[in-house]
C-alpha cells in the first residue's frame, strides 16, 4: 500500500532526506586557521619588528688603540731614561788612569791679602743738614716740601704726621749733636742718625728727634720725626 502523496507546496516530514543546500557546515576556506600556523616571518607592515643589533666593533677598536698608545709611550720613556744613563761616562782625573793626583797648595807668602768689605762712615754732617732743612720746612708750614724729604716707605706716613703738628705757630730748629745708631742696636735694620730738634708747635714747647736713614749707596732720607 503506497503512502499518500503530500499536497503540492508542502515538504515531506521533517528529519527525512538530505538537507537542502546552503545549510549545515560552512564552506571550505572560511574560519580560523589551524593552530601552529601564522604569517610567515619577514612579512608585515614596515616599521615593526625587533630593532637591528648595534655592532661594538668600533668601541673595541678604540679601546685597543688607546691601550697600545699608552704602552708605546711608557716604552719610549724607559728607552730615553736608559739612553741618558748609558751616555754618562765617568771622568777620571788627569794623569795616570786610576790614580789621583795630590792637591797642590800655593804658599800664601808674598801674596796681597784679599780685600774685605769695609763699612762706610756715617754721614753725620749731611744727615744733620737734612734734618735742619726738614724742620725749616715745618717752621714755614710747608708740609708738602717737608714730606718730599721722606724715605720711600715713609712718604705715605709723613703727610699725616705733619698735618697733626705743623701750623703757623710751629718753630723748630736743630738743638744738639747727632747720634749714630748702627744696625742691630735698634729695631731698624739700617743705620739711623738721630738729630735732636726743639722748639714749639701748636701744642706748645716740644723737643725730640728727626730720624735720618743712612744706607750705603743710597741718598739720605727722613724716616720719621718724634716730638714730646
N, C-alpha and C. Protein backbone atom coordinates (compact mmCIF):
# COMPACT_ATOMS: atom_id res chain seq x y z
N UNK A 1 0.86 -1.18 0.00
CA UNK A 1 0.00 0.00 0.00
C UNK A 1 0.87 1.20 0.00
N UNK A 2 0.68 2.10 -0.92
CA UNK A 2 1.55 3.28 -1.06
C UNK A 2 1.08 4.38 -0.14
N UNK A 3 2.14 5.23 0.32
CA UNK A 3 1.83 6.37 1.22
C UNK A 3 1.19 7.47 0.42
N UNK A 4 0.40 8.20 1.11
CA UNK A 4 -0.30 9.27 0.41
C UNK A 4 0.66 10.35 -0.04
N UNK A 5 0.47 10.84 -1.15
CA UNK A 5 1.32 11.93 -1.71
C UNK A 5 0.92 13.23 -1.07
N UNK A 6 1.94 14.00 -0.58
CA UNK A 6 1.64 15.28 0.07
C UNK A 6 1.13 16.25 -0.94
N UNK A 7 0.37 17.15 -0.46
CA UNK A 7 -0.17 18.14 -1.38
C UNK A 7 0.92 19.01 -1.93
N UNK A 8 0.73 19.58 -3.10
CA UNK A 8 1.77 20.46 -3.67
C UNK A 8 2.05 21.63 -2.78
N UNK A 9 3.35 22.08 -2.77
CA UNK A 9 3.78 23.22 -1.94
C UNK A 9 4.16 22.82 -0.57
N UNK A 10 4.01 21.59 -0.14
CA UNK A 10 4.38 21.17 1.21
C UNK A 10 5.48 20.14 1.10
N UNK A 11 6.44 20.22 2.05
CA UNK A 11 7.54 19.29 2.09
C UNK A 11 7.09 18.05 2.82
N UNK A 12 7.98 17.12 2.74
CA UNK A 12 7.70 15.88 3.44
C UNK A 12 7.92 16.03 4.91
N UNK A 13 7.85 14.99 5.65
CA UNK A 13 8.05 15.06 7.10
C UNK A 13 9.46 15.53 7.42
N UNK A 14 9.62 16.35 8.53
CA UNK A 14 10.93 16.87 8.95
C UNK A 14 11.78 15.73 9.44
N UNK A 15 13.14 15.88 9.16
CA UNK A 15 14.10 14.88 9.63
C UNK A 15 14.35 13.81 8.59
N UNK A 16 13.71 13.90 7.45
CA UNK A 16 13.91 12.90 6.42
C UNK A 16 14.53 13.56 5.21
N UNK A 17 15.51 12.84 4.63
CA UNK A 17 16.13 13.30 3.39
C UNK A 17 17.31 14.20 3.64
N UNK A 18 18.09 14.41 2.66
CA UNK A 18 19.26 15.28 2.82
C UNK A 18 18.85 16.72 3.00
N UNK A 19 19.60 17.48 3.74
CA UNK A 19 19.24 18.88 3.95
C UNK A 19 19.43 19.66 2.68
N UNK A 20 18.70 20.66 2.52
CA UNK A 20 18.86 21.48 1.32
C UNK A 20 20.20 22.20 1.32
N UNK A 21 20.67 22.59 0.13
CA UNK A 21 21.94 23.31 0.00
C UNK A 21 21.84 24.68 0.69
N UNK A 22 23.03 25.17 1.22
CA UNK A 22 23.07 26.46 1.95
C UNK A 22 22.98 26.28 3.42
N UNK A 23 22.67 25.10 3.92
CA UNK A 23 22.58 24.86 5.35
C UNK A 23 23.66 23.87 5.73
N UNK A 24 24.00 23.80 7.04
CA UNK A 24 24.98 22.84 7.56
C UNK A 24 26.32 23.49 7.81
N UNK A 25 27.41 22.74 7.66
CA UNK A 25 28.78 23.24 7.94
C UNK A 25 29.16 24.31 6.94
N UNK A 26 29.97 25.27 7.35
CA UNK A 26 30.36 26.36 6.44
C UNK A 26 31.19 25.83 5.32
N UNK A 27 31.20 26.50 4.19
CA UNK A 27 32.01 26.04 3.06
C UNK A 27 33.48 26.10 3.40
N UNK A 28 34.26 25.32 2.65
CA UNK A 28 35.71 25.28 2.88
C UNK A 28 36.33 26.62 2.54
N UNK A 29 37.50 26.96 3.27
CA UNK A 29 38.21 28.24 3.04
C UNK A 29 37.84 29.30 4.03
N UNK A 30 36.87 29.09 4.88
CA UNK A 30 36.47 30.07 5.88
C UNK A 30 36.76 29.52 7.28
N UNK A 31 36.86 30.43 8.29
CA UNK A 31 37.08 30.02 9.67
C UNK A 31 38.51 30.29 10.10
N UNK A 32 38.81 30.14 11.40
CA UNK A 32 40.18 30.40 11.93
C UNK A 32 41.16 29.39 11.38
N UNK A 33 42.41 29.84 11.17
CA UNK A 33 43.43 28.91 10.65
C UNK A 33 43.74 27.87 11.69
N UNK A 34 44.17 26.73 11.26
CA UNK A 34 44.51 25.67 12.22
C UNK A 34 45.63 26.11 13.12
N UNK A 35 45.69 25.61 14.35
CA UNK A 35 46.76 26.03 15.28
C UNK A 35 48.13 25.66 14.74
N UNK A 36 49.14 26.57 15.12
CA UNK A 36 50.52 26.32 14.69
C UNK A 36 50.89 27.06 13.44
N UNK A 37 49.96 27.73 12.87
CA UNK A 37 50.23 28.46 11.63
C UNK A 37 50.09 29.95 11.92
N UNK A 38 50.70 30.75 11.12
CA UNK A 38 50.66 32.20 11.28
C UNK A 38 51.32 32.84 10.08
N UNK A 39 51.49 34.19 10.11
CA UNK A 39 52.11 34.85 8.96
C UNK A 39 53.57 34.47 8.88
N UNK A 40 54.07 34.26 7.69
CA UNK A 40 55.50 33.88 7.53
C UNK A 40 56.39 34.99 8.02
N UNK A 41 57.56 34.63 8.53
CA UNK A 41 58.48 35.66 9.02
C UNK A 41 58.94 36.58 7.91
N UNK A 42 59.16 37.83 8.28
CA UNK A 42 59.63 38.79 7.30
C UNK A 42 58.53 39.57 6.66
N UNK A 43 57.34 39.23 6.96
CA UNK A 43 56.19 39.93 6.36
C UNK A 43 55.54 40.79 7.43
N UNK A 44 54.79 41.69 7.02
CA UNK A 44 54.08 42.56 7.94
C UNK A 44 54.28 44.00 7.55
N UNK A 45 53.64 44.93 8.20
CA UNK A 45 53.77 46.35 7.84
C UNK A 45 55.14 46.87 8.21
N UNK A 46 55.70 47.81 7.44
CA UNK A 46 57.04 48.34 7.72
C UNK A 46 57.07 49.09 9.04
N UNK A 47 58.25 49.08 9.70
CA UNK A 47 58.42 49.80 10.96
C UNK A 47 58.20 48.96 12.17
N UNK A 48 57.80 47.74 12.01
CA UNK A 48 57.56 46.86 13.14
C UNK A 48 58.62 45.78 13.16
N UNK A 49 58.73 45.13 14.30
CA UNK A 49 59.71 44.07 14.47
C UNK A 49 60.85 44.49 15.35
N UNK A 50 61.73 43.62 15.80
CA UNK A 50 62.85 43.97 16.70
C UNK A 50 63.87 44.84 16.00
N UNK A 51 64.49 45.85 16.73
CA UNK A 51 65.49 46.72 16.10
C UNK A 51 66.74 45.94 15.77
N UNK A 52 67.49 46.39 14.77
CA UNK A 52 68.73 45.67 14.41
C UNK A 52 69.77 45.80 15.51
N UNK A 53 70.57 44.83 15.73
CA UNK A 53 71.61 44.83 16.76
C UNK A 53 72.76 45.76 16.36
N UNK A 54 73.21 46.60 17.36
CA UNK A 54 74.34 47.51 17.12
C UNK A 54 75.66 46.76 17.27
N UNK A 55 76.58 47.14 16.42
CA UNK A 55 77.89 46.48 16.46
C UNK A 55 78.81 47.23 17.41
N UNK A 56 79.56 46.53 18.27
CA UNK A 56 80.53 47.10 19.22
C UNK A 56 81.95 47.05 18.69
N UNK A 57 82.09 46.82 17.40
CA UNK A 57 83.45 46.69 16.85
C UNK A 57 84.19 48.01 16.96
N UNK A 58 83.51 49.15 16.70
CA UNK A 58 84.18 50.45 16.76
C UNK A 58 84.68 50.77 18.16
N UNK A 59 83.88 50.49 19.19
CA UNK A 59 84.32 50.76 20.57
C UNK A 59 85.50 49.90 20.95
N UNK A 60 85.47 48.64 20.55
CA UNK A 60 86.57 47.74 20.89
C UNK A 60 87.87 48.20 20.22
N UNK A 61 87.77 48.64 18.96
CA UNK A 61 88.97 49.11 18.26
C UNK A 61 89.53 50.36 18.94
N UNK A 62 88.66 51.29 19.39
CA UNK A 62 89.13 52.49 20.06
C UNK A 62 89.84 52.19 21.36
N UNK A 63 89.32 51.25 22.15
CA UNK A 63 89.95 50.89 23.43
C UNK A 63 91.31 50.25 23.19
N UNK A 64 91.38 49.37 22.20
CA UNK A 64 92.66 48.71 21.90
C UNK A 64 93.69 49.73 21.44
N UNK A 65 93.28 50.71 20.63
CA UNK A 65 94.22 51.73 20.15
C UNK A 65 94.74 52.57 21.31
N UNK A 66 93.87 52.94 22.27
CA UNK A 66 94.31 53.73 23.42
C UNK A 66 95.32 52.96 24.27
N UNK A 67 95.05 51.67 24.50
CA UNK A 67 95.98 50.86 25.29
C UNK A 67 97.33 50.76 24.60
N UNK A 68 97.32 50.56 23.30
CA UNK A 68 98.59 50.45 22.55
C UNK A 68 99.36 51.76 22.63
N UNK A 69 98.66 52.91 22.54
CA UNK A 69 99.33 54.20 22.63
C UNK A 69 99.98 54.40 23.99
N UNK A 70 99.28 54.04 25.06
CA UNK A 70 99.86 54.17 26.41
C UNK A 70 101.09 53.29 26.56
N UNK A 71 101.02 52.06 26.08
CA UNK A 71 102.17 51.16 26.18
C UNK A 71 103.36 51.69 25.40
N UNK A 72 103.12 52.24 24.20
CA UNK A 72 104.22 52.79 23.41
C UNK A 72 104.85 53.98 24.11
N UNK A 73 104.03 54.82 24.77
CA UNK A 73 104.58 55.97 25.50
C UNK A 73 105.47 55.51 26.65
N UNK A 74 105.02 54.51 27.41
CA UNK A 74 105.82 54.01 28.54
C UNK A 74 107.13 53.42 28.04
N UNK A 75 107.07 52.65 26.97
CA UNK A 75 108.31 52.05 26.43
C UNK A 75 109.26 53.13 25.96
N UNK A 76 108.73 54.17 25.32
CA UNK A 76 109.61 55.25 24.86
C UNK A 76 110.30 55.96 26.00
N UNK A 77 109.57 56.21 27.11
CA UNK A 77 110.19 56.85 28.27
C UNK A 77 111.28 55.98 28.86
N UNK A 78 111.04 54.70 28.96
CA UNK A 78 112.07 53.80 29.51
C UNK A 78 113.31 53.81 28.64
N UNK A 79 113.13 53.80 27.31
CA UNK A 79 114.29 53.80 26.41
C UNK A 79 115.08 55.09 26.54
N UNK A 80 114.36 56.23 26.67
CA UNK A 80 115.06 57.51 26.81
C UNK A 80 115.85 57.56 28.11
N UNK A 81 115.25 57.08 29.21
CA UNK A 81 115.95 57.11 30.50
C UNK A 81 117.18 56.21 30.48
N UNK A 82 117.07 55.05 29.84
CA UNK A 82 118.23 54.16 29.75
C UNK A 82 119.32 54.78 28.90
N UNK A 83 118.93 55.49 27.83
CA UNK A 83 119.92 56.12 26.98
C UNK A 83 120.67 57.22 27.70
N UNK A 84 119.95 58.00 28.53
CA UNK A 84 120.63 59.05 29.29
C UNK A 84 121.59 58.47 30.31
N UNK A 85 121.22 57.35 30.93
CA UNK A 85 122.12 56.73 31.91
C UNK A 85 123.35 56.15 31.26
N UNK A 86 123.20 55.56 30.05
CA UNK A 86 124.36 54.99 29.38
C UNK A 86 125.27 56.05 28.81
N UNK A 87 124.72 57.27 28.55
CA UNK A 87 125.54 58.31 27.95
C UNK A 87 126.49 58.95 28.94
N UNK A 88 126.29 58.76 30.23
CA UNK A 88 127.18 59.36 31.22
C UNK A 88 128.43 58.51 31.36
N UNK A 89 129.55 59.13 31.08
CA UNK A 89 130.83 58.43 31.16
C UNK A 89 131.57 58.96 32.36
N UNK A 90 132.01 58.12 33.29
CA UNK A 90 132.75 58.61 34.46
C UNK A 90 134.07 59.22 34.04
N UNK A 91 134.35 60.36 34.61
CA UNK A 91 135.59 61.07 34.30
C UNK A 91 136.66 60.69 35.31
N UNK A 92 137.86 60.61 34.82
CA UNK A 92 139.00 60.30 35.68
C UNK A 92 139.91 61.51 35.77
N UNK A 93 140.59 61.69 36.86
CA UNK A 93 141.50 62.83 36.98
C UNK A 93 142.64 62.71 35.99
N UNK A 94 143.15 63.85 35.60
CA UNK A 94 144.26 63.87 34.66
C UNK A 94 145.48 63.18 35.27
N UNK A 95 146.27 62.58 34.43
CA UNK A 95 147.43 61.82 34.88
C UNK A 95 147.25 60.36 34.58
N UNK A 96 147.84 59.51 35.36
CA UNK A 96 147.72 58.09 35.13
C UNK A 96 146.32 57.63 35.49
N UNK A 97 145.74 56.77 34.66
CA UNK A 97 144.39 56.30 34.97
C UNK A 97 144.35 55.50 36.26
N UNK A 98 143.33 55.75 37.04
CA UNK A 98 143.15 55.02 38.28
C UNK A 98 143.87 55.63 39.46
N UNK A 99 144.69 56.69 39.23
CA UNK A 99 145.44 57.33 40.31
C UNK A 99 144.98 58.76 40.45
N UNK A 100 144.89 59.22 41.66
CA UNK A 100 144.50 60.60 41.93
C UNK A 100 145.73 61.41 42.27
N UNK A 101 145.75 62.62 41.74
CA UNK A 101 146.87 63.50 42.00
C UNK A 101 146.66 64.26 43.28
N UNK A 102 147.67 64.38 44.11
CA UNK A 102 147.53 65.16 45.35
C UNK A 102 147.31 66.62 45.03
N UNK A 103 146.46 67.26 45.85
CA UNK A 103 146.20 68.68 45.65
C UNK A 103 147.43 69.49 46.00
N UNK A 104 147.69 70.51 45.18
CA UNK A 104 148.84 71.37 45.41
C UNK A 104 148.39 72.61 46.15
N UNK A 105 149.09 72.96 47.19
CA UNK A 105 148.79 74.13 47.98
C UNK A 105 149.78 75.23 47.63
N UNK A 106 149.22 76.40 47.31
CA UNK A 106 150.06 77.54 46.96
C UNK A 106 150.40 78.28 48.23
N UNK A 107 151.67 78.53 48.49
CA UNK A 107 152.02 79.28 49.71
C UNK A 107 151.45 80.68 49.66
N UNK A 108 150.99 81.13 50.83
CA UNK A 108 150.37 82.45 50.92
C UNK A 108 151.38 83.57 51.11
N UNK A 109 152.67 83.23 51.25
CA UNK A 109 153.65 84.28 51.46
C UNK A 109 153.84 85.08 50.18
N UNK A 110 153.92 86.37 50.31
CA UNK A 110 154.18 87.25 49.19
C UNK A 110 152.94 87.65 48.42
N UNK A 111 151.73 87.10 48.75
CA UNK A 111 150.52 87.45 48.05
C UNK A 111 149.77 88.52 48.83
N UNK A 112 149.15 89.45 48.12
CA UNK A 112 148.42 90.51 48.84
C UNK A 112 147.19 89.94 49.51
N UNK A 113 146.77 90.44 50.62
CA UNK A 113 145.57 89.93 51.31
C UNK A 113 144.32 90.23 50.49
N UNK A 114 143.34 89.33 50.62
CA UNK A 114 142.10 89.51 49.88
C UNK A 114 141.35 90.71 50.43
N UNK A 115 140.71 91.47 49.52
CA UNK A 115 140.00 92.67 50.01
C UNK A 115 138.77 92.27 50.81
N UNK A 116 138.47 93.01 51.83
CA UNK A 116 137.29 92.78 52.67
C UNK A 116 136.39 93.99 52.58
N UNK A 117 135.11 93.71 52.75
CA UNK A 117 134.13 94.79 52.68
C UNK A 117 134.23 95.65 53.93
N UNK A 118 134.48 96.92 53.72
CA UNK A 118 134.58 97.85 54.84
C UNK A 118 133.33 98.71 54.89
N UNK A 119 132.79 98.91 56.08
CA UNK A 119 131.60 99.72 56.25
C UNK A 119 131.93 101.18 56.02
N UNK A 120 131.02 101.87 55.31
CA UNK A 120 131.24 103.28 55.07
C UNK A 120 130.99 104.07 56.37
N UNK A 121 131.64 105.21 56.46
CA UNK A 121 131.49 106.04 57.66
C UNK A 121 130.12 106.70 57.66
N UNK A 122 129.55 106.92 58.81
CA UNK A 122 128.26 107.58 58.89
C UNK A 122 128.33 109.00 58.31
N UNK A 123 127.30 109.37 57.59
CA UNK A 123 127.24 110.72 57.00
C UNK A 123 126.53 111.66 57.99
N UNK A 124 127.24 111.91 59.09
CA UNK A 124 126.63 112.67 60.18
C UNK A 124 126.34 114.11 59.76
N UNK A 125 127.34 114.76 59.11
CA UNK A 125 127.15 116.17 58.73
C UNK A 125 126.01 116.32 57.74
N UNK A 126 125.96 115.44 56.72
CA UNK A 126 124.89 115.53 55.73
C UNK A 126 123.53 115.22 56.36
N UNK A 127 123.50 114.26 57.31
CA UNK A 127 122.24 113.95 57.98
C UNK A 127 121.77 115.12 58.82
N UNK A 128 122.71 115.81 59.49
CA UNK A 128 122.33 116.98 60.29
C UNK A 128 121.79 118.09 59.40
N UNK A 129 122.41 118.29 58.22
CA UNK A 129 121.93 119.32 57.30
C UNK A 129 120.53 118.97 56.77
N UNK A 130 120.27 117.70 56.50
CA UNK A 130 118.93 117.31 56.04
C UNK A 130 117.90 117.53 57.13
N UNK A 131 118.23 117.21 58.36
CA UNK A 131 117.29 117.44 59.46
C UNK A 131 116.99 118.92 59.62
N UNK A 132 118.02 119.78 59.48
CA UNK A 132 117.81 121.22 59.58
C UNK A 132 116.88 121.71 58.46
N UNK A 133 117.04 121.16 57.27
CA UNK A 133 116.17 121.53 56.15
C UNK A 133 114.73 121.08 56.41
N UNK A 134 114.61 119.89 56.99
CA UNK A 134 113.29 119.34 57.26
C UNK A 134 112.52 120.21 58.26
N UNK A 135 113.16 120.60 59.37
CA UNK A 135 112.47 121.43 60.37
C UNK A 135 112.26 122.85 59.86
N UNK A 136 113.08 123.31 58.91
CA UNK A 136 112.85 124.64 58.33
C UNK A 136 111.56 124.64 57.52
N UNK A 137 111.31 123.55 56.76
CA UNK A 137 110.03 123.44 56.05
C UNK A 137 108.86 123.37 57.03
N UNK A 138 109.06 122.67 58.15
CA UNK A 138 107.99 122.59 59.14
C UNK A 138 107.72 123.97 59.75
N UNK A 139 108.76 124.72 60.02
CA UNK A 139 108.59 126.05 60.62
C UNK A 139 107.91 127.00 59.65
N UNK A 140 108.08 126.78 58.34
CA UNK A 140 107.42 127.62 57.34
C UNK A 140 106.06 127.07 56.95
N UNK A 141 105.60 126.03 57.61
CA UNK A 141 104.32 125.38 57.31
C UNK A 141 104.26 124.89 55.85
N UNK A 142 105.39 124.47 55.35
CA UNK A 142 105.46 123.90 54.01
C UNK A 142 105.47 122.36 54.15
N UNK A 143 104.32 121.83 54.43
CA UNK A 143 104.21 120.40 54.72
C UNK A 143 104.54 119.54 53.51
N UNK A 144 104.14 119.96 52.33
CA UNK A 144 104.41 119.17 51.13
C UNK A 144 105.90 119.05 50.87
N UNK A 145 106.65 120.17 51.03
CA UNK A 145 108.09 120.14 50.81
C UNK A 145 108.79 119.29 51.87
N UNK A 146 108.29 119.36 53.12
CA UNK A 146 108.89 118.55 54.18
C UNK A 146 108.64 117.06 53.92
N UNK A 147 107.44 116.70 53.48
CA UNK A 147 107.13 115.29 53.21
C UNK A 147 107.94 114.74 52.04
N UNK A 148 108.35 115.61 51.10
CA UNK A 148 109.14 115.16 49.95
C UNK A 148 110.52 114.66 50.36
N UNK A 149 111.01 115.01 51.54
CA UNK A 149 112.31 114.54 52.02
C UNK A 149 112.22 113.14 52.65
N UNK A 150 111.04 112.59 52.75
CA UNK A 150 110.87 111.30 53.39
C UNK A 150 111.36 110.14 52.55
N UNK A 151 111.63 109.01 53.19
CA UNK A 151 112.02 107.79 52.51
C UNK A 151 110.82 107.22 51.74
N UNK A 152 111.10 106.27 50.85
CA UNK A 152 110.04 105.71 50.00
C UNK A 152 108.92 105.08 50.84
N UNK A 153 109.30 104.34 51.88
CA UNK A 153 108.29 103.69 52.71
C UNK A 153 107.76 104.59 53.81
N UNK A 154 108.15 105.88 53.81
CA UNK A 154 107.65 106.82 54.81
C UNK A 154 106.83 107.95 54.19
N UNK A 155 106.79 108.03 52.86
CA UNK A 155 106.11 109.15 52.22
C UNK A 155 104.61 109.10 52.41
N UNK A 156 104.05 107.95 52.71
CA UNK A 156 102.62 107.88 52.98
C UNK A 156 102.29 108.19 54.44
N UNK A 157 103.28 108.05 55.33
CA UNK A 157 103.05 108.30 56.75
C UNK A 157 103.34 109.75 57.13
N UNK A 158 104.34 110.35 56.50
CA UNK A 158 104.76 111.69 56.89
C UNK A 158 103.67 112.76 56.70
N UNK A 159 102.93 112.79 55.59
CA UNK A 159 101.94 113.87 55.45
C UNK A 159 100.93 113.92 56.59
N UNK A 160 100.44 112.76 57.04
CA UNK A 160 99.50 112.77 58.16
C UNK A 160 100.15 113.21 59.45
N UNK A 161 101.41 112.79 59.68
CA UNK A 161 102.10 113.20 60.91
C UNK A 161 102.37 114.70 60.91
N UNK A 162 102.68 115.28 59.75
CA UNK A 162 102.92 116.72 59.68
C UNK A 162 101.64 117.51 59.88
N UNK A 163 100.55 117.00 59.35
CA UNK A 163 99.29 117.71 59.47
C UNK A 163 98.83 117.83 60.92
N UNK A 164 99.16 116.85 61.75
CA UNK A 164 98.73 116.87 63.15
C UNK A 164 99.51 117.89 63.98
N UNK A 165 100.75 118.19 63.58
CA UNK A 165 101.62 119.00 64.43
C UNK A 165 101.84 120.40 63.87
N UNK A 166 102.05 120.48 62.55
CA UNK A 166 102.55 121.71 61.95
C UNK A 166 101.40 122.68 61.67
N UNK A 167 101.63 123.95 62.01
CA UNK A 167 100.75 125.05 61.61
C UNK A 167 101.59 126.32 61.61
N UNK A 168 100.90 127.48 61.57
CA UNK A 168 101.64 128.76 61.51
C UNK A 168 102.44 129.03 62.77
N UNK A 169 102.10 128.37 63.88
CA UNK A 169 102.82 128.62 65.13
C UNK A 169 104.09 127.77 65.27
N UNK A 170 104.29 126.80 64.36
CA UNK A 170 105.41 125.87 64.51
C UNK A 170 106.73 126.58 64.23
N UNK A 171 107.67 126.46 65.17
CA UNK A 171 109.02 127.00 65.02
C UNK A 171 109.98 125.98 65.64
N UNK A 172 110.73 125.28 64.78
CA UNK A 172 111.64 124.23 65.24
C UNK A 172 113.03 124.48 64.69
N UNK A 173 114.04 123.88 65.37
CA UNK A 173 115.44 124.04 64.98
C UNK A 173 116.22 122.82 65.45
N UNK A 174 117.40 122.60 64.89
CA UNK A 174 118.31 121.56 65.37
C UNK A 174 118.89 122.04 66.68
N UNK A 175 118.84 121.18 67.70
CA UNK A 175 119.19 121.62 69.05
C UNK A 175 120.36 120.86 69.66
N UNK A 176 121.03 119.99 68.92
CA UNK A 176 122.12 119.25 69.53
C UNK A 176 122.92 118.46 68.51
N UNK A 177 123.83 117.65 69.03
CA UNK A 177 124.71 116.83 68.20
C UNK A 177 124.01 115.54 67.81
N UNK A 178 124.24 115.13 66.59
CA UNK A 178 123.59 113.92 66.08
C UNK A 178 124.15 112.67 66.74
N UNK A 179 123.33 111.64 66.83
CA UNK A 179 123.70 110.36 67.43
C UNK A 179 123.53 109.27 66.36
N UNK A 180 124.56 108.46 66.19
CA UNK A 180 124.53 107.41 65.17
C UNK A 180 124.11 106.10 65.82
N UNK A 181 123.13 105.44 65.24
CA UNK A 181 122.66 104.12 65.69
C UNK A 181 122.94 103.11 64.57
N UNK A 182 123.85 102.19 64.85
CA UNK A 182 124.23 101.20 63.85
C UNK A 182 123.17 100.09 63.76
N UNK A 183 123.19 99.34 62.65
CA UNK A 183 122.21 98.24 62.51
C UNK A 183 122.39 97.21 63.61
N UNK A 184 121.32 96.73 64.14
CA UNK A 184 121.34 95.74 65.21
C UNK A 184 121.22 96.34 66.59
N UNK A 185 121.44 97.64 66.74
CA UNK A 185 121.32 98.27 68.05
C UNK A 185 119.90 98.78 68.30
N UNK A 186 119.09 98.89 67.25
CA UNK A 186 117.71 99.34 67.40
C UNK A 186 116.81 98.39 66.61
N UNK A 187 115.55 98.74 66.55
CA UNK A 187 114.60 97.92 65.78
C UNK A 187 114.75 98.11 64.28
N UNK A 188 115.48 99.13 63.86
CA UNK A 188 115.68 99.37 62.44
C UNK A 188 116.84 98.52 61.91
N UNK A 189 116.68 97.91 60.74
CA UNK A 189 117.76 97.07 60.20
C UNK A 189 118.84 97.87 59.46
N UNK A 190 118.76 99.18 59.49
CA UNK A 190 119.74 100.01 58.80
C UNK A 190 120.29 101.05 59.77
N UNK A 191 121.31 101.78 59.33
CA UNK A 191 121.90 102.83 60.17
C UNK A 191 120.95 104.02 60.23
N UNK A 192 120.76 104.53 61.44
CA UNK A 192 119.91 105.69 61.67
C UNK A 192 120.73 106.76 62.36
N UNK A 193 120.60 107.99 61.88
CA UNK A 193 121.25 109.14 62.51
C UNK A 193 120.16 109.97 63.18
N UNK A 194 120.24 110.05 64.51
CA UNK A 194 119.26 110.82 65.28
C UNK A 194 119.76 112.26 65.42
N UNK A 195 118.96 113.20 64.93
CA UNK A 195 119.31 114.62 65.02
C UNK A 195 118.33 115.28 65.99
N UNK A 196 118.81 115.80 67.13
CA UNK A 196 117.90 116.42 68.11
C UNK A 196 117.31 117.72 67.55
N UNK A 197 116.03 117.95 67.86
CA UNK A 197 115.35 119.18 67.47
C UNK A 197 114.55 119.68 68.67
N UNK A 198 114.25 120.96 68.65
CA UNK A 198 113.47 121.57 69.73
C UNK A 198 112.78 122.81 69.19
N UNK A 199 111.76 123.29 69.92
CA UNK A 199 111.03 124.48 69.52
C UNK A 199 109.61 124.42 70.04
N UNK A 200 108.68 124.96 69.26
CA UNK A 200 107.29 124.96 69.68
C UNK A 200 106.40 124.61 68.48
N UNK A 201 105.25 124.06 68.83
CA UNK A 201 104.23 123.73 67.84
C UNK A 201 102.90 124.27 68.34
N UNK A 202 101.81 123.88 67.73
CA UNK A 202 100.50 124.32 68.18
C UNK A 202 100.17 123.82 69.57
N UNK A 203 100.93 122.82 70.04
CA UNK A 203 100.68 122.27 71.37
C UNK A 203 101.63 122.85 72.42
N UNK A 204 102.50 123.82 72.03
CA UNK A 204 103.41 124.42 72.98
C UNK A 204 104.84 123.96 72.76
N UNK A 205 105.73 124.21 73.72
CA UNK A 205 107.13 123.83 73.59
C UNK A 205 107.29 122.31 73.52
N UNK A 206 108.13 121.89 72.59
CA UNK A 206 108.36 120.46 72.44
C UNK A 206 109.81 120.23 72.00
N UNK A 207 110.24 118.99 72.18
CA UNK A 207 111.59 118.59 71.75
C UNK A 207 111.52 117.13 71.31
N UNK A 208 112.50 116.75 70.50
CA UNK A 208 112.51 115.37 70.02
C UNK A 208 113.65 115.12 69.06
N UNK A 209 113.41 114.26 68.05
CA UNK A 209 114.46 113.86 67.11
C UNK A 209 113.87 113.77 65.69
N UNK A 210 114.75 113.96 64.74
CA UNK A 210 114.47 113.60 63.35
C UNK A 210 115.35 112.39 63.03
N UNK A 211 114.74 111.30 62.59
CA UNK A 211 115.48 110.08 62.26
C UNK A 211 115.82 110.10 60.77
N UNK A 212 117.11 110.19 60.49
CA UNK A 212 117.63 110.20 59.12
C UNK A 212 118.14 108.80 58.78
N UNK A 213 117.64 108.23 57.71
CA UNK A 213 118.09 106.89 57.27
C UNK A 213 119.35 107.02 56.45
N UNK A 214 120.40 106.25 56.84
CA UNK A 214 121.70 106.32 56.19
C UNK A 214 122.09 104.92 55.71
N UNK A 215 121.77 104.60 54.45
CA UNK A 215 122.12 103.32 53.84
C UNK A 215 123.20 103.57 52.81
N UNK A 216 124.27 102.80 52.86
CA UNK A 216 125.38 102.98 51.93
C UNK A 216 124.91 102.81 50.50
N UNK A 217 125.31 103.75 49.65
CA UNK A 217 124.94 103.70 48.23
C UNK A 217 123.59 104.30 47.92
N UNK A 218 122.85 104.77 48.94
CA UNK A 218 121.54 105.37 48.72
C UNK A 218 121.51 106.77 49.31
N UNK A 219 120.69 107.66 48.77
CA UNK A 219 120.64 109.01 49.32
C UNK A 219 120.01 109.02 50.72
N UNK A 220 120.39 109.99 51.51
CA UNK A 220 119.79 110.16 52.83
C UNK A 220 118.32 110.53 52.68
N UNK A 221 117.53 110.15 53.69
CA UNK A 221 116.10 110.48 53.68
C UNK A 221 115.60 110.52 55.10
N UNK A 222 114.47 111.21 55.30
CA UNK A 222 113.84 111.31 56.62
C UNK A 222 112.97 110.08 56.83
N UNK A 223 113.31 109.32 57.87
CA UNK A 223 112.50 108.14 58.19
C UNK A 223 111.22 108.54 58.92
N UNK A 224 111.37 109.34 59.98
CA UNK A 224 110.24 109.82 60.77
C UNK A 224 110.78 110.87 61.74
N UNK A 225 109.89 111.60 62.37
CA UNK A 225 110.30 112.53 63.42
C UNK A 225 109.48 112.27 64.65
N UNK A 226 110.02 112.66 65.81
CA UNK A 226 109.34 112.45 67.09
C UNK A 226 109.41 113.75 67.89
N UNK A 227 108.33 114.11 68.50
CA UNK A 227 108.25 115.29 69.36
C UNK A 227 107.49 114.93 70.62
N UNK A 228 107.94 115.46 71.75
CA UNK A 228 107.27 115.22 73.03
C UNK A 228 107.02 116.56 73.72
